[in-house]
PDB file of N, CA and C in Angstrom:
ATOM      1  N   MET A   1      28.081   1.254 -29.157  1.00  0.00           N
ATOM      2  CA  MET A   1      26.434   0.361 -29.087  1.00  0.00           C
ATOM      3  C   MET A   1      26.959  -0.275 -27.621  1.00  0.00           C
ATOM      4  N   GLN A   2      28.141  -0.446 -27.286  1.00  0.00           N
ATOM      5  CA  GLN A   2      28.353  -0.904 -25.796  1.00  0.00           C
ATOM      6  C   GLN A   2      27.554   0.012 -24.817  1.00  0.00           C
ATOM      7  N   LYS A   3      28.259   1.290 -25.023  1.00  0.00           N
ATOM      8  CA  LYS A   3      27.374   2.094 -24.126  1.00  0.00           C
ATOM      9  C   LYS A   3      25.955   2.158 -24.391  1.00  0.00           C
ATOM     10  N   LEU A   4      24.869   1.745 -24.903  1.00  0.00           N
ATOM     11  CA  LEU A   4      23.738   1.668 -24.945  1.00  0.00           C
ATOM     12  C   LEU A   4      23.283   0.556 -24.504  1.00  0.00           C
ATOM     13  N   PHE A   5      24.303  -0.809 -24.553  1.00  0.00           N
ATOM     14  CA  PHE A   5      24.298  -2.060 -24.180  1.00  0.00           C
ATOM     15  C   PHE A   5      24.239  -1.456 -21.716  1.00  0.00           C
ATOM     16  N   TYR A   6      25.185  -0.640 -21.455  1.00  0.00           N
ATOM     17  CA  TYR A   6      25.175  -0.547 -19.948  1.00  0.00           C
ATOM     18  C   TYR A   6      24.341   0.393 -19.952  1.00  0.00           C
ATOM     19  N   ALA A   7      23.511   1.607 -20.703  1.00  0.00           N
ATOM     20  CA  ALA A   7      22.570   2.335 -20.127  1.00  0.00           C
ATOM     21  C   ALA A   7      21.857   1.392 -20.448  1.00  0.00           C
ATOM     22  N   ALA A   8      20.773   0.346 -21.254  1.00  0.00           N
ATOM     23  CA  ALA A   8      19.821  -0.761 -20.910  1.00  0.00           C
ATOM     24  C   ALA A   8      20.007  -1.201 -19.966  1.00  0.00           C
ATOM     25  N   CYS A   9      21.105  -1.478 -19.175  1.00  0.00           N
ATOM     26  CA  CYS A   9      21.128  -2.294 -17.841  1.00  0.00           C
ATOM     27  C   CYS A   9      21.024  -1.649 -16.552  1.00  0.00           C
ATOM     28  N   VAL A  10      21.760  -0.488 -16.765  1.00  0.00           N
ATOM     29  CA  VAL A  10      21.625   0.309 -15.484  1.00  0.00           C
ATOM     30  C   VAL A  10      20.191   1.106 -15.221  1.00  0.00           C
ATOM     31  N   LEU A  11      19.696   1.617 -16.776  1.00  0.00           N
ATOM     32  CA  LEU A  11      18.392   2.443 -16.184  1.00  0.00           C
ATOM     33  C   LEU A  11      17.247   1.689 -15.481  1.00  0.00           C
ATOM     34  N   PRO A  12      17.161   0.166 -15.793  1.00  0.00           N
ATOM     35  CA  PRO A  12      16.291  -0.412 -14.790  1.00  0.00           C
ATOM     36  C   PRO A  12      16.408   0.027 -13.317  1.00  0.00           C
ATOM     37  N   LEU A  13      17.903  -0.554 -12.775  1.00  0.00           N
ATOM     38  CA  LEU A  13      17.980  -0.438 -11.790  1.00  0.00           C
ATOM     39  C   LEU A  13      18.161   0.765 -11.136  1.00  0.00           C
ATOM     40  N   LEU A  14      18.292   1.979 -11.651  1.00  0.00           N
ATOM     41  CA  LEU A  14      17.926   3.465 -10.982  1.00  0.00           C
ATOM     42  C   LEU A  14      16.232   3.500 -10.936  1.00  0.00           C
ATOM     43  N   LEU A  15      15.715   3.376 -11.985  1.00  0.00           N
ATOM     44  CA  LEU A  15      14.220   3.405 -11.720  1.00  0.00           C
ATOM     45  C   LEU A  15      13.961   3.021 -10.615  1.00  0.00           C
ATOM     46  N   ALA A  16      13.934   1.483 -10.356  1.00  0.00           N
ATOM     47  CA  ALA A  16      13.746   1.069  -9.168  1.00  0.00           C
ATOM     48  C   ALA A  16      14.100   1.603  -8.156  1.00  0.00           C
ATOM     49  N   GLY A  17      15.186   1.967  -8.059  1.00  0.00           N
ATOM     50  CA  GLY A  17      15.407   2.747  -6.730  1.00  0.00           C
ATOM     51  C   GLY A  17      14.776   4.126  -6.290  1.00  0.00           C
ATOM     52  N   CYS A  18      13.509   4.781  -7.278  1.00  0.00           N
ATOM     53  CA  CYS A  18      12.478   5.437  -6.942  1.00  0.00           C
ATOM     54  C   CYS A  18      11.633   5.102  -6.397  1.00  0.00           C
ATOM     55  N   THR A  19      11.317   4.205  -6.454  1.00  0.00           N
ATOM     56  CA  THR A  19       9.743   3.578  -5.989  1.00  0.00           C
ATOM     57  C   THR A  19       9.485   3.936  -4.336  1.00  0.00           C
ATOM     58  N   SER A  20       8.364   4.340  -4.008  1.00  0.00           N
ATOM     59  CA  SER A  20       8.242   4.450  -2.454  1.00  0.00           C
ATOM     60  C   SER A  20       7.049   3.478  -2.533  1.00  0.00           C
ATOM     61  N   TYR A  21       6.914   3.123  -1.170  1.00  0.00           N
ATOM     62  CA  TYR A  21       6.374   2.262  -0.557  1.00  0.00           C
ATOM     63  C   TYR A  21       5.452   2.677   0.911  1.00  0.00           C
ATOM     64  N   TYR A  22       3.802   2.562   0.335  1.00  0.00           N
ATOM     65  CA  TYR A  22       3.207   3.160   1.789  1.00  0.00           C
ATOM     66  C   TYR A  22       2.385   2.123   2.258  1.00  0.00           C
ATOM     67  N   LYS A  23       1.820   2.185   3.442  1.00  0.00           N
ATOM     68  CA  LYS A  23       0.767   1.442   4.007  1.00  0.00           C
ATOM     69  C   LYS A  23      -0.299   2.527   4.407  1.00  0.00           C
ATOM     70  N   VAL A  24      -1.366   2.195   4.132  1.00  0.00           N
ATOM     71  CA  VAL A  24      -2.620   3.280   4.282  1.00  0.00           C
ATOM     72  C   VAL A  24      -3.517   2.648   4.726  1.00  0.00           C
ATOM     73  N   THR A  25      -3.590   2.656   6.261  1.00  0.00           N
ATOM     74  CA  THR A  25      -4.738   2.545   7.172  1.00  0.00           C
ATOM     75  C   THR A  25      -6.206   3.724   6.879  1.00  0.00           C
ATOM     76  N   ASP A  26      -7.051   2.710   6.914  1.00  0.00           N
ATOM     77  CA  ASP A  26      -8.660   3.117   7.191  1.00  0.00           C
ATOM     78  C   ASP A  26      -8.889   3.530   8.351  1.00  0.00           C
ATOM     79  N   LEU A  27      -8.944   4.544   8.810  1.00  0.00           N
ATOM     80  CA  LEU A  27      -9.068   5.304  10.259  1.00  0.00           C
ATOM     81  C   LEU A  27     -10.390   4.693  10.871  1.00  0.00           C
ATOM     82  N   THR A  28     -11.454   4.645   9.711  1.00  0.00           N
ATOM     83  CA  THR A  28     -13.001   4.101   9.732  1.00  0.00           C
ATOM     84  C   THR A  28     -13.077   2.559  10.524  1.00  0.00           C
ATOM     85  N   THR A  29     -12.344   1.964   9.369  1.00  0.00           N
ATOM     86  CA  THR A  29     -12.694   0.649   9.841  1.00  0.00           C
ATOM     87  C   THR A  29     -11.371  -0.091  10.426  1.00  0.00           C
ATOM     88  N   GLY A  30     -10.038   0.224  10.191  1.00  0.00           N
ATOM     89  CA  GLY A  30      -9.196  -0.158  10.411  1.00  0.00           C
ATOM     90  C   GLY A  30      -8.735  -1.273   9.153  1.00  0.00           C
ATOM     91  N   LYS A  31      -8.524  -1.198   8.939  1.00  0.00           N
ATOM     92  CA  LYS A  31      -8.460  -2.220   7.238  1.00  0.00           C
ATOM     93  C   LYS A  31      -7.043  -1.637   6.931  1.00  0.00           C
ATOM     94  N   SER A  32      -6.016  -2.532   6.708  1.00  0.00           N
ATOM     95  CA  SER A  32      -4.872  -1.416   5.751  1.00  0.00           C
ATOM     96  C   SER A  32      -4.444  -2.023   4.666  1.00  0.00           C
ATOM     97  N   TYR A  33      -4.114  -1.196   3.967  1.00  0.00           N
ATOM     98  CA  TYR A  33      -4.133  -1.253   2.389  1.00  0.00           C
ATOM     99  C   TYR A  33      -2.534  -1.054   1.905  1.00  0.00           C
ATOM    100  N   TYR A  34      -1.858  -1.564   1.206  1.00  0.00           N
ATOM    101  CA  TYR A  34      -0.494  -1.489   0.736  1.00  0.00           C
ATOM    102  C   TYR A  34      -0.227  -0.896  -0.631  1.00  0.00           C
ATOM    103  N   THR A  35       0.273  -0.158  -0.756  1.00  0.00           N
ATOM    104  CA  THR A  35       0.598   1.101  -1.978  1.00  0.00           C
ATOM    105  C   THR A  35       2.250   1.517  -2.663  1.00  0.00           C
ATOM    106  N   THR A  36       2.141   1.303  -3.614  1.00  0.00           N
ATOM    107  CA  THR A  36       3.366   2.457  -4.275  1.00  0.00           C
ATOM    108  C   THR A  36       2.748   3.596  -5.072  1.00  0.00           C
ATOM    109  N   GLU A  37       1.215   3.285  -5.559  1.00  0.00           N
ATOM    110  CA  GLU A  37       0.971   4.272  -5.918  1.00  0.00           C
ATOM    111  C   GLU A  37      -0.310   5.431  -5.505  1.00  0.00           C
ATOM    112  N   LEU A  38       0.644   6.797  -4.377  1.00  0.00           N
ATOM    113  CA  LEU A  38      -0.667   7.072  -3.954  1.00  0.00           C
ATOM    114  C   LEU A  38      -0.874   8.993  -4.024  1.00  0.00           C
ATOM    115  N   GLN A  39      -1.888   9.198  -3.932  1.00  0.00           N
ATOM    116  CA  GLN A  39      -2.157  10.787  -4.193  1.00  0.00           C
ATOM    117  C   GLN A  39      -2.760  10.976  -2.944  1.00  0.00           C
ATOM    118  N   GLN A  40      -2.731  11.969  -1.906  1.00  0.00           N
ATOM    119  CA  GLN A  40      -3.127  12.716  -0.733  1.00  0.00           C
ATOM    120  C   GLN A  40      -3.892  13.593  -1.517  1.00  0.00           C
ATOM    121  N   ASN A  41      -5.026  13.839  -1.046  1.00  0.00           N
ATOM    122  CA  ASN A  41      -6.038  14.548  -1.219  1.00  0.00           C
ATOM    123  C   ASN A  41      -6.359  15.592  -0.403  1.00  0.00           C
ATOM    124  N   GLY A  42      -5.693  15.749   0.630  1.00  0.00           N
ATOM    125  CA  GLY A  42      -5.906  16.530   2.254  1.00  0.00           C
ATOM    126  C   GLY A  42      -7.149  16.282   3.014  1.00  0.00           C
ATOM    127  N   ASN A  43      -6.948  16.876   3.930  1.00  0.00           N
ATOM    128  CA  ASN A  43      -7.454  16.434   5.029  1.00  0.00           C
ATOM    129  C   ASN A  43      -7.716  14.699   5.211  1.00  0.00           C
ATOM    130  N   GLY A  44      -6.622  14.094   5.381  1.00  0.00           N
ATOM    131  CA  GLY A  44      -6.831  13.191   5.335  1.00  0.00           C
ATOM    132  C   GLY A  44      -7.332  11.853   4.801  1.00  0.00           C
ATOM    133  N   SER A  45      -7.836  12.228   3.595  1.00  0.00           N
ATOM    134  CA  SER A  45      -8.061  11.319   2.506  1.00  0.00           C
ATOM    135  C   SER A  45      -7.283  11.231   1.319  1.00  0.00           C
ATOM    136  N   ALA A  46      -7.048   9.874   0.649  1.00  0.00           N
ATOM    137  CA  ALA A  46      -6.134   9.149  -0.264  1.00  0.00           C
ATOM    138  C   ALA A  46      -6.759   8.406  -1.005  1.00  0.00           C
ATOM    139  N   THR A  47      -6.162   8.883  -2.484  1.00  0.00           N
ATOM    140  CA  THR A  47      -6.648   7.924  -3.542  1.00  0.00           C
ATOM    141  C   THR A  47      -5.067   6.880  -3.929  1.00  0.00           C
ATOM    142  N   PHE A  48      -5.543   5.605  -4.009  1.00  0.00           N
ATOM    143  CA  PHE A  48      -4.403   4.429  -4.373  1.00  0.00           C
ATOM    144  C   PHE A  48      -5.040   3.644  -5.107  1.00  0.00           C
ATOM    145  N   LYS A  49      -4.008   2.975  -5.612  1.00  0.00           N
ATOM    146  CA  LYS A  49      -3.856   1.488  -6.197  1.00  0.00           C
ATOM    147  C   LYS A  49      -3.701   0.393  -5.160  1.00  0.00           C
ATOM    148  N   ASP A  50      -4.619  -0.531  -4.834  1.00  0.00           N
ATOM    149  CA  ASP A  50      -4.136  -1.490  -3.640  1.00  0.00           C
ATOM    150  C   ASP A  50      -3.332  -2.734  -4.096  1.00  0.00           C
ATOM    151  N   GLY A  51      -2.003  -2.680  -3.702  1.00  0.00           N
ATOM    152  CA  GLY A  51      -1.347  -3.013  -3.984  1.00  0.00           C
ATOM    153  C   GLY A  51      -1.496  -4.826  -3.944  1.00  0.00           C
ATOM    154  N   LYS A  52      -2.779  -5.511  -3.496  1.00  0.00           N
ATOM    155  CA  LYS A  52      -3.279  -6.845  -3.477  1.00  0.00           C
ATOM    156  C   LYS A  52      -3.980  -7.179  -4.349  1.00  0.00           C
ATOM    157  N   THR A  53      -5.051  -6.309  -4.711  1.00  0.00           N
ATOM    158  CA  THR A  53      -6.165  -6.235  -5.215  1.00  0.00           C
ATOM    159  C   THR A  53      -5.829  -5.643  -7.477  1.00  0.00           C
ATOM    160  N   GLY A  54      -5.335  -4.596  -6.959  1.00  0.00           N
ATOM    161  CA  GLY A  54      -4.854  -3.771  -8.103  1.00  0.00           C
ATOM    162  C   GLY A  54      -6.519  -2.880  -8.147  1.00  0.00           C
ATOM    163  N   ASN A  55      -7.210  -3.094  -7.037  1.00  0.00           N
ATOM    164  CA  ASN A  55      -8.376  -2.027  -7.562  1.00  0.00           C
ATOM    165  C   ASN A  55      -8.287  -0.526  -6.890  1.00  0.00           C
ATOM    166  N   THR A  56      -8.640   0.171  -7.766  1.00  0.00           N
ATOM    167  CA  THR A  56      -8.606   1.595  -6.635  1.00  0.00           C
ATOM    168  C   THR A  56      -8.986   2.050  -5.391  1.00  0.00           C
ATOM    169  N   VAL A  57      -8.570   2.893  -4.289  1.00  0.00           N
ATOM    170  CA  VAL A  57      -9.112   2.741  -3.424  1.00  0.00           C
ATOM    171  C   VAL A  57      -9.163   4.365  -3.470  1.00  0.00           C
ATOM    172  N   ASN A  58     -10.385   4.800  -2.690  1.00  0.00           N
ATOM    173  CA  ASN A  58     -10.513   6.126  -2.327  1.00  0.00           C
ATOM    174  C   ASN A  58     -11.181   6.210  -0.703  1.00  0.00           C
ATOM    175  N   LEU A  59     -10.218   6.782   0.128  1.00  0.00           N
ATOM    176  CA  LEU A  59     -10.574   6.913   1.512  1.00  0.00           C
ATOM    177  C   LEU A  59     -10.534   8.038   2.171  1.00  0.00           C
ATOM    178  N   GLN A  60     -11.563   8.413   2.918  1.00  0.00           N
ATOM    179  CA  GLN A  60     -11.983   9.450   3.493  1.00  0.00           C
ATOM    180  C   GLN A  60     -11.335  10.201   4.799  1.00  0.00           C
ATOM    181  N   HIS A  61     -10.830   9.051   5.491  1.00  0.00           N
ATOM    182  CA  HIS A  61      -9.970   8.916   6.939  1.00  0.00           C
ATOM    183  C   HIS A  61      -8.682   8.165   6.651  1.00  0.00           C
ATOM    184  N   SER A  62      -7.504   8.598   6.039  1.00  0.00           N
ATOM    185  CA  SER A  62      -6.927   7.807   6.376  1.00  0.00           C
ATOM    186  C   SER A  62      -5.459   8.031   6.852  1.00  0.00           C
ATOM    187  N   GLU A  63      -4.832   7.144   7.551  1.00  0.00           N
ATOM    188  CA  GLU A  63      -3.086   7.239   8.240  1.00  0.00           C
ATOM    189  C   GLU A  63      -2.439   6.767   7.275  1.00  0.00           C
ATOM    190  N   ILE A  64      -1.211   7.484   6.750  1.00  0.00           N
ATOM    191  CA  ILE A  64      -0.106   7.032   5.592  1.00  0.00           C
ATOM    192  C   ILE A  64       1.189   6.662   6.037  1.00  0.00           C
ATOM    193  N   ALA A  65       1.812   5.792   6.547  1.00  0.00           N
ATOM    194  CA  ALA A  65       2.954   5.120   6.612  1.00  0.00           C
ATOM    195  C   ALA A  65       3.769   5.052   5.506  1.00  0.00           C
ATOM    196  N   THR A  66       5.445   5.646   5.827  1.00  0.00           N
ATOM    197  CA  THR A  66       6.374   4.921   4.295  1.00  0.00           C
ATOM    198  C   THR A  66       6.842   3.732   5.038  1.00  0.00           C
ATOM    199  N   LEU A  67       6.599   2.675   3.984  1.00  0.00           N
ATOM    200  CA  LEU A  67       7.645   1.342   4.533  1.00  0.00           C
ATOM    201  C   LEU A  67       8.642   1.558   3.627  1.00  0.00           C
ATOM    202  N   SER A  68       9.666   0.333   3.853  1.00  0.00           N
ATOM    203  CA  SER A  68      10.417  -0.045   3.415  1.00  0.00           C
ATOM    204  C   SER A  68      10.136  -1.406   2.277  1.00  0.00           C
ATOM    205  N   GLN A  69      10.960  -1.781   1.332  1.00  0.00           N
ATOM    206  CA  GLN A  69      10.244  -2.518   0.436  1.00  0.00           C
ATOM    207  C   GLN A  69      10.448  -3.708   0.837  1.00  0.00           C
ATOM    208  N   GLU A  70      10.740  -4.413   1.816  1.00  0.00           N
ATOM    209  CA  GLU A  70      10.684  -5.458   2.265  1.00  0.00           C
ATOM    210  C   GLU A  70       9.425  -5.643   3.097  1.00  0.00           C
ATOM    211  N   ALA A  71       9.142  -4.537   4.012  1.00  0.00           N
ATOM    212  CA  ALA A  71       7.799  -4.387   5.058  1.00  0.00           C
ATOM    213  C   ALA A  71       6.594  -4.194   4.043  1.00  0.00           C
ATOM    214  N   TYR A  72       6.774  -3.677   2.949  1.00  0.00           N
ATOM    215  CA  TYR A  72       5.775  -3.675   1.607  1.00  0.00           C
ATOM    216  C   TYR A  72       5.052  -5.066   1.370  1.00  0.00           C
ATOM    217  N   GLU A  73       5.992  -5.804   0.713  1.00  0.00           N
ATOM    218  CA  GLU A  73       5.789  -6.908   0.152  1.00  0.00           C
ATOM    219  C   GLU A  73       5.747  -7.712   1.204  1.00  0.00           C
ATOM    220  N   SER A  74       6.243  -8.013   2.582  1.00  0.00           N
ATOM    221  CA  SER A  74       5.436  -8.725   3.560  1.00  0.00           C
ATOM    222  C   SER A  74       3.918  -8.600   3.987  1.00  0.00           C
ATOM    223  N   GLY A  75       3.786  -6.930   3.647  1.00  0.00           N
ATOM    224  CA  GLY A  75       2.380  -6.862   4.321  1.00  0.00           C
ATOM    225  C   GLY A  75       1.434  -6.944   2.925  1.00  0.00           C
ATOM    226  N   ARG A  76       1.899  -7.125   2.059  1.00  0.00           N
ATOM    227  CA  ARG A  76       0.746  -7.073   0.816  1.00  0.00           C
ATOM    228  C   ARG A  76       0.624  -8.441   0.308  1.00  0.00           C
ATOM    229  N   HIS A  77       1.588  -9.553   0.688  1.00  0.00           N
ATOM    230  CA  HIS A  77       1.368 -10.790   0.641  1.00  0.00           C
ATOM    231  C   HIS A  77       0.922 -11.304   1.849  1.00  0.00           C
ATOM    232  N   ALA A  78       0.640 -11.014   3.284  1.00  0.00           N
ATOM    233  CA  ALA A  78       0.151 -11.425   4.374  1.00  0.00           C
ATOM    234  C   ALA A  78      -1.183 -11.329   3.540  1.00  0.00           C
ATOM    235  N   ALA A  79      -2.069 -12.482   4.889  1.00  0.00           N
ATOM    236  CA  ALA A  79      -3.449 -12.788   4.588  1.00  0.00           C
ATOM    237  C   ALA A  79      -4.312 -12.188   5.390  1.00  0.00           C
ATOM    238  N   ALA A  80      -5.467 -11.917   5.318  1.00  0.00           N
ATOM    239  CA  ALA A  80      -6.332 -10.760   5.607  1.00  0.00           C
ATOM    240  C   ALA A  80      -6.450 -11.269   6.787  1.00  0.00           C
ATOM    241  N   ALA A  81      -6.402 -10.606   8.096  1.00  0.00           N
ATOM    242  CA  ALA A  81      -7.308 -10.660   9.027  1.00  0.00           C
ATOM    243  C   ALA A  81      -8.649 -11.227   9.295  1.00  0.00           C
ATOM    244  N   PRO A  82      -9.104 -12.133   9.746  1.00  0.00           N
ATOM    245  CA  PRO A  82     -10.615 -12.423  10.148  1.00  0.00           C
ATOM    246  C   PRO A  82     -11.307 -11.472  10.706  1.00  0.00           C
ATOM    247  N   PRO A  83     -12.387 -11.483  10.210  1.00  0.00           N
ATOM    248  CA  PRO A  83     -13.129 -10.259  10.852  1.00  0.00           C
ATOM    249  C   PRO A  83     -13.695 -10.831  12.630  1.00  0.00           C
ATOM    250  N   PRO A  84     -13.461  -9.619  13.572  1.00  0.00           N
ATOM    251  CA  PRO A  84     -13.750  -9.988  14.955  1.00  0.00           C
ATOM    252  C   PRO A  84     -14.810 -10.846  14.944  1.00  0.00           C
ATOM    253  N   LYS A  85     -14.920 -12.151  15.937  1.00  0.00           N
ATOM    254  CA  LYS A  85     -16.574 -12.841  16.181  1.00  0.00           C
ATOM    255  C   LYS A  85     -17.244 -12.113  17.256  1.00  0.00           C
ATOM    256  N   ALA A  86     -18.449 -12.209  16.722  1.00  0.00           N
ATOM    257  CA  ALA A  86     -19.790 -11.684  17.345  1.00  0.00           C
ATOM    258  C   ALA A  86     -20.326 -12.240  18.532  1.00  0.00           C
ATOM    259  N   ASP A  87     -20.923 -11.302  19.566  1.00  0.00           N
ATOM    260  CA  ASP A  87     -20.727 -11.835  20.723  1.00  0.00           C
ATOM    261  C   ASP A  87     -22.254 -12.215  20.338  1.00  0.00           C
ATOM    262  N   PRO A  88     -22.243 -13.862  21.049  1.00  0.00           N
ATOM    263  CA  PRO A  88     -23.943 -14.715  20.914  1.00  0.00           C
ATOM    264  C   PRO A  88     -24.905 -14.109  21.793  1.00  0.00           C
ATOM    265  N   ASN A  89     -24.388 -13.454  22.767  1.00  0.00           N
ATOM    266  CA  ASN A  89     -25.805 -12.488  23.177  1.00  0.00           C
ATOM    267  C   ASN A  89     -24.768 -11.576  23.223  1.00  0.00           C
ATOM    268  N   PRO A  90     -25.243 -10.112  22.797  1.00  0.00           N
ATOM    269  CA  PRO A  90     -24.299  -8.792  23.026  1.00  0.00           C
ATOM    270  C   PRO A  90     -25.446  -8.037  23.994  1.00  0.00           C
ATOM    271  N   PHE A  91     -26.694  -8.846  24.958  1.00  0.00           N
ATOM    272  CA  PHE A  91     -27.447  -7.828  25.519  1.00  0.00           C
ATOM    273  C   PHE A  91     -27.619  -8.567  26.670  1.00  0.00           C
ATOM    274  N   LYS A  92     -26.170  -8.692  27.221  1.00  0.00           N
ATOM    275  CA  LYS A  92     -26.568  -9.578  28.541  1.00  0.00           C
ATOM    276  C   LYS A  92     -26.255  -8.044  29.661  1.00  0.00           C
TER     277      LYS A  92
END
């Protein structure tokens, strides 16, 4: 019985150490996503579950970086950058 108790305590710690953290950047828009569930499809395309929204995202042109857990959590909880302001007179 005691062995079962130790196994129940240690197993979640071992499994938690197996998670990989990624920052996926859409090369078309520059938007960054944070995920732990990533499928690289080849030719720069990737499918993953967005860590902020929980939505499944499919990008055709992406850049993928491996992160530490701290960098992942920081990026996932960061506020989205505001869109750039439009030039009021684009025909100067």
